[in-house]
């Protein structure tokens, strides 16, 4: 597994991933989700939650 990546062009700033992340590894910057590489546990909750499909896992 790998740390998910946010497609900044697709992110709508809804903050659903921020609320869903059990590791509190996601914050918002300029209305776009940012995933902390240090805090992410690679659980993929954000990938499954994102309604815009802006968060993807890269193998």
PDB file of N, CA and C in Angstrom:
ATOM      1  N   UNK A   1       0.836  -1.181   0.000  1.00  0.00           N
ATOM      2  CA  UNK A   1       0.000   0.000   0.000  1.00  0.00           C
ATOM      3  C   UNK A   1       0.882   1.246   0.000  1.00  0.00           C
ATOM      4  N   UNK A   2       0.284   2.334  -0.385  1.00  0.00           N
ATOM      5  CA  UNK A   2       1.001   3.597  -0.437  1.00  0.00           C
ATOM      6  C   UNK A   2       0.121   4.697   0.133  1.00  0.00           C
ATOM      7  N   UNK A   3       0.737   5.782   0.522  1.00  0.00           N
ATOM      8  CA  UNK A   3      -0.023   6.917   1.022  1.00  0.00           C
ATOM      9  C   UNK A   3      -0.848   7.485  -0.127  1.00  0.00           C
ATOM     10  N   UNK A   4      -2.149   7.652   0.081  1.00  0.00           N
ATOM     11  CA  UNK A   4      -3.004   8.202  -0.977  1.00  0.00           C
ATOM     12  C   UNK A   4      -2.572   9.606  -1.377  1.00  0.00           C
ATOM     13  N   UNK A   5      -2.887   9.956  -2.593  1.00  0.00           N
ATOM     14  CA  UNK A   5      -2.563  11.275  -3.140  1.00  0.00           C
ATOM     15  C   UNK A   5      -3.858  12.016  -3.471  1.00  0.00           C
ATOM     16  N   UNK A   6      -3.831  13.328  -3.285  1.00  0.00           N
ATOM     17  CA  UNK A   6      -4.988  14.170  -3.588  1.00  0.00           C
ATOM     18  C   UNK A   6      -4.775  14.831  -4.941  1.00  0.00           C
ATOM     19  N   UNK A   7      -5.745  14.660  -5.829  1.00  0.00           N
ATOM     20  CA  UNK A   7      -5.742  15.377  -7.100  1.00  0.00           C
ATOM     21  C   UNK A   7      -6.337  16.748  -6.812  1.00  0.00           C
ATOM     22  N   UNK A   8      -5.493  17.752  -6.729  1.00  0.00           N
ATOM     23  CA  UNK A   8      -5.918  19.090  -6.326  1.00  0.00           C
ATOM     24  C   UNK A   8      -6.923  19.706  -7.287  1.00  0.00           C
ATOM     25  N   UNK A   9      -6.891  19.289  -8.540  1.00  0.00           N
ATOM     26  CA  UNK A   9      -7.836  19.826  -9.515  1.00  0.00           C
ATOM     27  C   UNK A   9      -9.235  19.235  -9.329  1.00  0.00           C
ATOM     28  N   UNK A  10      -9.309  18.048  -8.721  1.00  0.00           N
ATOM     29  CA  UNK A  10     -10.595  17.372  -8.533  1.00  0.00           C
ATOM     30  C   UNK A  10     -11.197  17.611  -7.148  1.00  0.00           C
ATOM     31  N   UNK A  11     -10.373  17.959  -6.180  1.00  0.00           N
ATOM     32  CA  UNK A  11     -10.842  18.154  -4.802  1.00  0.00           C
ATOM     33  C   UNK A  11     -11.819  19.329  -4.743  1.00  0.00           C
ATOM     34  N   UNK A  12     -12.982  19.083  -4.133  1.00  0.00           N
ATOM     35  CA  UNK A  12     -14.011  20.121  -4.024  1.00  0.00           C
ATOM     36  C   UNK A  12     -13.978  20.854  -2.686  1.00  0.00           C
ATOM     37  N   UNK A  13     -13.108  20.406  -1.779  1.00  0.00           N
ATOM     38  CA  UNK A  13     -13.001  21.056  -0.475  1.00  0.00           C
ATOM     39  C   UNK A  13     -14.136  20.726   0.465  1.00  0.00           C
ATOM     40  N   UNK A  14     -14.796  19.603   0.282  1.00  0.00           N
ATOM     41  CA  UNK A  14     -15.958  19.244   1.100  1.00  0.00           C
ATOM     42  C   UNK A  14     -15.588  18.837   2.531  1.00  0.00           C
ATOM     43  N   UNK A  15     -14.344  18.466   2.758  1.00  0.00           N
ATOM     44  CA  UNK A  15     -13.801  18.090   4.058  1.00  0.00           C
ATOM     45  C   UNK A  15     -14.318  16.757   4.598  1.00  0.00           C
ATOM     46  N   UNK A  16     -14.999  15.954   3.779  1.00  0.00           N
ATOM     47  CA  UNK A  16     -15.464  14.649   4.244  1.00  0.00           C
ATOM     48  C   UNK A  16     -14.294  13.740   4.613  1.00  0.00           C
ATOM     49  N   UNK A  17     -13.197  13.835   3.890  1.00  0.00           N
ATOM     50  CA  UNK A  17     -12.024  13.014   4.184  1.00  0.00           C
ATOM     51  C   UNK A  17     -11.395  13.412   5.520  1.00  0.00           C
ATOM     52  N   UNK A  18     -11.430  14.705   5.829  1.00  0.00           N
ATOM     53  CA  UNK A  18     -10.873  15.198   7.094  1.00  0.00           C
ATOM     54  C   UNK A  18     -11.630  14.572   8.260  1.00  0.00           C
ATOM     55  N   UNK A  19     -12.940  14.552   8.153  1.00  0.00           N
ATOM     56  CA  UNK A  19     -13.784  13.992   9.204  1.00  0.00           C
ATOM     57  C   UNK A  19     -13.628  12.479   9.310  1.00  0.00           C
ATOM     58  N   UNK A  20     -13.392  11.801   8.209  1.00  0.00           N
ATOM     59  CA  UNK A  20     -13.337  10.336   8.179  1.00  0.00           C
ATOM     60  C   UNK A  20     -11.985   9.775   8.610  1.00  0.00           C
ATOM     61  N   UNK A  21     -10.915  10.524   8.458  1.00  0.00           N
ATOM     62  CA  UNK A  21      -9.571  10.012   8.716  1.00  0.00           C
ATOM     63  C   UNK A  21      -9.368   9.665  10.200  1.00  0.00           C
ATOM     64  N   UNK A  22      -9.146   8.375  10.514  1.00  0.00           N
ATOM     65  CA  UNK A  22      -8.968   7.982  11.919  1.00  0.00           C
ATOM     66  C   UNK A  22      -7.622   8.432  12.498  1.00  0.00           C
ATOM     67  N   UNK A  23      -6.672   8.771  11.649  1.00  0.00           N
ATOM     68  CA  UNK A  23      -5.342   9.182  12.108  1.00  0.00           C
ATOM     69  C   UNK A  23      -5.188  10.702  12.175  1.00  0.00           C
ATOM     70  N   UNK A  24      -6.246  11.438  11.847  1.00  0.00           N
ATOM     71  CA  UNK A  24      -6.176  12.899  11.786  1.00  0.00           C
ATOM     72  C   UNK A  24      -5.004  13.362  10.914  1.00  0.00           C
ATOM     73  N   UNK A  25      -4.820  12.669   9.803  1.00  0.00           N
ATOM     74  CA  UNK A  25      -3.686  12.947   8.913  1.00  0.00           C
ATOM     75  C   UNK A  25      -4.042  13.889   7.767  1.00  0.00           C
ATOM     76  N   UNK A  26      -5.292  14.339   7.714  1.00  0.00           N
ATOM     77  CA  UNK A  26      -5.717  15.190   6.600  1.00  0.00           C
ATOM     78  C   UNK A  26      -6.140  16.555   7.129  1.00  0.00           C
ATOM     79  N   UNK A  27      -5.628  17.583   6.480  1.00  0.00           N
ATOM     80  CA  UNK A  27      -6.006  18.951   6.805  1.00  0.00           C
ATOM     81  C   UNK A  27      -6.376  19.649   5.500  1.00  0.00           C
ATOM     82  N   UNK A  28      -6.817  20.873   5.616  1.00  0.00           N
ATOM     83  CA  UNK A  28      -7.184  21.645   4.440  1.00  0.00           C
ATOM     84  C   UNK A  28      -6.219  22.811   4.281  1.00  0.00           C
ATOM     85  N   UNK A  29      -5.819  23.068   3.045  1.00  0.00           N
ATOM     86  CA  UNK A  29      -4.971  24.208   2.723  1.00  0.00           C
ATOM     87  C   UNK A  29      -5.482  24.802   1.413  1.00  0.00           C
ATOM     88  N   UNK A  30      -5.885  26.055   1.464  1.00  0.00           N
ATOM     89  CA  UNK A  30      -6.444  26.715   0.279  1.00  0.00           C
ATOM     90  C   UNK A  30      -7.623  25.936  -0.293  1.00  0.00           C
ATOM     91  N   UNK A  31      -8.470  25.414   0.611  1.00  0.00           N
ATOM     92  CA  UNK A  31      -9.690  24.688   0.254  1.00  0.00           C
ATOM     93  C   UNK A  31      -9.422  23.374  -0.471  1.00  0.00           C
ATOM     94  N   UNK A  32      -8.235  22.795  -0.257  1.00  0.00           N
ATOM     95  CA  UNK A  32      -7.875  21.509  -0.858  1.00  0.00           C
ATOM     96  C   UNK A  32      -7.326  20.604   0.242  1.00  0.00           C
ATOM     97  N   UNK A  33      -7.697  19.329   0.210  1.00  0.00           N
ATOM     98  CA  UNK A  33      -7.218  18.369   1.196  1.00  0.00           C
ATOM     99  C   UNK A  33      -5.719  18.130   1.034  1.00  0.00           C
ATOM    100  N   UNK A  34      -5.041  18.017   2.182  1.00  0.00           N
ATOM    101  CA  UNK A  34      -3.614  17.726   2.216  1.00  0.00           C
ATOM    102  C   UNK A  34      -3.410  16.562   3.178  1.00  0.00           C
ATOM    103  N   UNK A  35      -2.738  15.504   2.719  1.00  0.00           N
ATOM    104  CA  UNK A  35      -2.507  14.325   3.534  1.00  0.00           C
ATOM    105  C   UNK A  35      -1.083  14.356   4.081  1.00  0.00           C
ATOM    106  N   UNK A  36      -0.955  14.253   5.398  1.00  0.00           N
ATOM    107  CA  UNK A  36       0.348  14.255   6.045  1.00  0.00           C
ATOM    108  C   UNK A  36       1.025  12.902   5.848  1.00  0.00           C
ATOM    109  N   UNK A  37       2.165  12.905   5.203  1.00  0.00           N
ATOM    110  CA  UNK A  37       2.923  11.681   4.972  1.00  0.00           C
ATOM    111  C   UNK A  37       3.364  11.057   6.295  1.00  0.00           C
ATOM    112  N   UNK A  38       3.625  11.889   7.292  1.00  0.00           N
ATOM    113  CA  UNK A  38       4.092  11.396   8.584  1.00  0.00           C
ATOM    114  C   UNK A  38       2.989  10.749   9.408  1.00  0.00           C
ATOM    115  N   UNK A  39       1.754  11.223   9.249  1.00  0.00           N
ATOM    116  CA  UNK A  39       0.655  10.745  10.084  1.00  0.00           C
ATOM    117  C   UNK A  39      -0.227   9.694   9.422  1.00  0.00           C
ATOM    118  N   UNK A  40      -0.224   9.605   8.106  1.00  0.00           N
ATOM    119  CA  UNK A  40      -1.089   8.673   7.375  1.00  0.00           C
ATOM    120  C   UNK A  40      -0.739   7.223   7.702  1.00  0.00           C
ATOM    121  N   UNK A  41      -1.769   6.428   7.989  1.00  0.00           N
ATOM    122  CA  UNK A  41      -1.581   5.003   8.282  1.00  0.00           C
ATOM    123  C   UNK A  41      -1.941   4.115   7.090  1.00  0.00           C
ATOM    124  N   UNK A  42      -2.232   4.736   5.957  1.00  0.00           N
ATOM    125  CA  UNK A  42      -2.554   4.031   4.713  1.00  0.00           C
ATOM    126  C   UNK A  42      -3.792   3.129   4.845  1.00  0.00           C
ATOM    127  N   UNK A  43      -4.783   3.599   5.592  1.00  0.00           N
ATOM    128  CA  UNK A  43      -5.996   2.803   5.805  1.00  0.00           C
ATOM    129  C   UNK A  43      -6.988   2.908   4.644  1.00  0.00           C
ATOM    130  N   UNK A  44      -6.839   3.912   3.813  1.00  0.00           N
ATOM    131  CA  UNK A  44      -7.684   4.144   2.636  1.00  0.00           C
ATOM    132  C   UNK A  44      -9.088   4.638   2.943  1.00  0.00           C
ATOM    133  N   UNK A  45      -9.350   5.035   4.173  1.00  0.00           N
ATOM    134  CA  UNK A  45     -10.680   5.563   4.512  1.00  0.00           C
ATOM    135  C   UNK A  45     -11.005   6.790   3.675  1.00  0.00           C
ATOM    136  N   UNK A  46     -10.010   7.621   3.419  1.00  0.00           N
ATOM    137  CA  UNK A  46     -10.237   8.842   2.632  1.00  0.00           C
ATOM    138  C   UNK A  46     -10.571   8.513   1.175  1.00  0.00           C
ATOM    139  N   UNK A  47      -9.918   7.500   0.651  1.00  0.00           N
ATOM    140  CA  UNK A  47     -10.168   7.086  -0.738  1.00  0.00           C
ATOM    141  C   UNK A  47     -11.620   6.640  -0.886  1.00  0.00           C
ATOM    142  N   UNK A  48     -12.073   5.847   0.079  1.00  0.00           N
ATOM    143  CA  UNK A  48     -13.441   5.324   0.043  1.00  0.00           C
ATOM    144  C   UNK A  48     -14.486   6.398   0.303  1.00  0.00           C
ATOM    145  N   UNK A  49     -14.119   7.443   1.029  1.00  0.00           N
ATOM    146  CA  UNK A  49     -15.059   8.484   1.441  1.00  0.00           C
ATOM    147  C   UNK A  49     -15.221   9.601   0.422  1.00  0.00           C
ATOM    148  N   UNK A  50     -14.186   9.914  -0.321  1.00  0.00           N
ATOM    149  CA  UNK A  50     -14.191  11.090  -1.197  1.00  0.00           C
ATOM    150  C   UNK A  50     -15.286  11.012  -2.271  1.00  0.00           C
ATOM    151  N   UNK A  51     -16.287  11.908  -2.201  1.00  0.00           N
ATOM    152  CA  UNK A  51     -17.358  11.867  -3.197  1.00  0.00           C
ATOM    153  C   UNK A  51     -16.913  12.321  -4.588  1.00  0.00           C
ATOM    154  N   UNK A  52     -15.828  13.082  -4.655  1.00  0.00           N
ATOM    155  CA  UNK A  52     -15.328  13.578  -5.940  1.00  0.00           C
ATOM    156  C   UNK A  52     -14.304  12.630  -6.559  1.00  0.00           C
ATOM    157  N   UNK A  53     -13.979  11.566  -5.821  1.00  0.00           N
ATOM    158  CA  UNK A  53     -12.948  10.611  -6.262  1.00  0.00           C
ATOM    159  C   UNK A  53     -11.637  11.321  -6.553  1.00  0.00           C
ATOM    160  N   UNK A  54     -11.323  12.328  -5.708  1.00  0.00           N
ATOM    161  CA  UNK A  54     -10.110  13.127  -5.889  1.00  0.00           C
ATOM    162  C   UNK A  54      -8.920  12.536  -5.150  1.00  0.00           C
ATOM    163  N   UNK A  55      -9.163  11.507  -4.323  1.00  0.00           N
ATOM    164  CA  UNK A  55      -8.069  10.883  -3.579  1.00  0.00           C
ATOM    165  C   UNK A  55      -7.877   9.483  -4.137  1.00  0.00           C
ATOM    166  N   UNK A  56      -6.640   9.210  -4.557  1.00  0.00           N
ATOM    167  CA  UNK A  56      -6.350   7.911  -5.153  1.00  0.00           C
ATOM    168  C   UNK A  56      -5.147   7.274  -4.487  1.00  0.00           C
ATOM    169  N   UNK A  57      -5.088   5.957  -4.562  1.00  0.00           N
ATOM    170  CA  UNK A  57      -3.922   5.228  -4.080  1.00  0.00           C
ATOM    171  C   UNK A  57      -3.037   4.926  -5.275  1.00  0.00           C
ATOM    172  N   UNK A  58      -1.778   5.218  -5.119  1.00  0.00           N
ATOM    173  CA  UNK A  58      -0.818   4.886  -6.167  1.00  0.00           C
ATOM    174  C   UNK A  58       0.070   3.785  -5.650  1.00  0.00           C
ATOM    175  N   UNK A  59       0.100   2.673  -6.380  1.00  0.00           N
ATOM    176  CA  UNK A  59       0.841   1.496  -5.952  1.00  0.00           C
ATOM    177  C   UNK A  59       2.287   1.690  -6.009  1.00  0.00           C
TER     178      UNK A  59
END
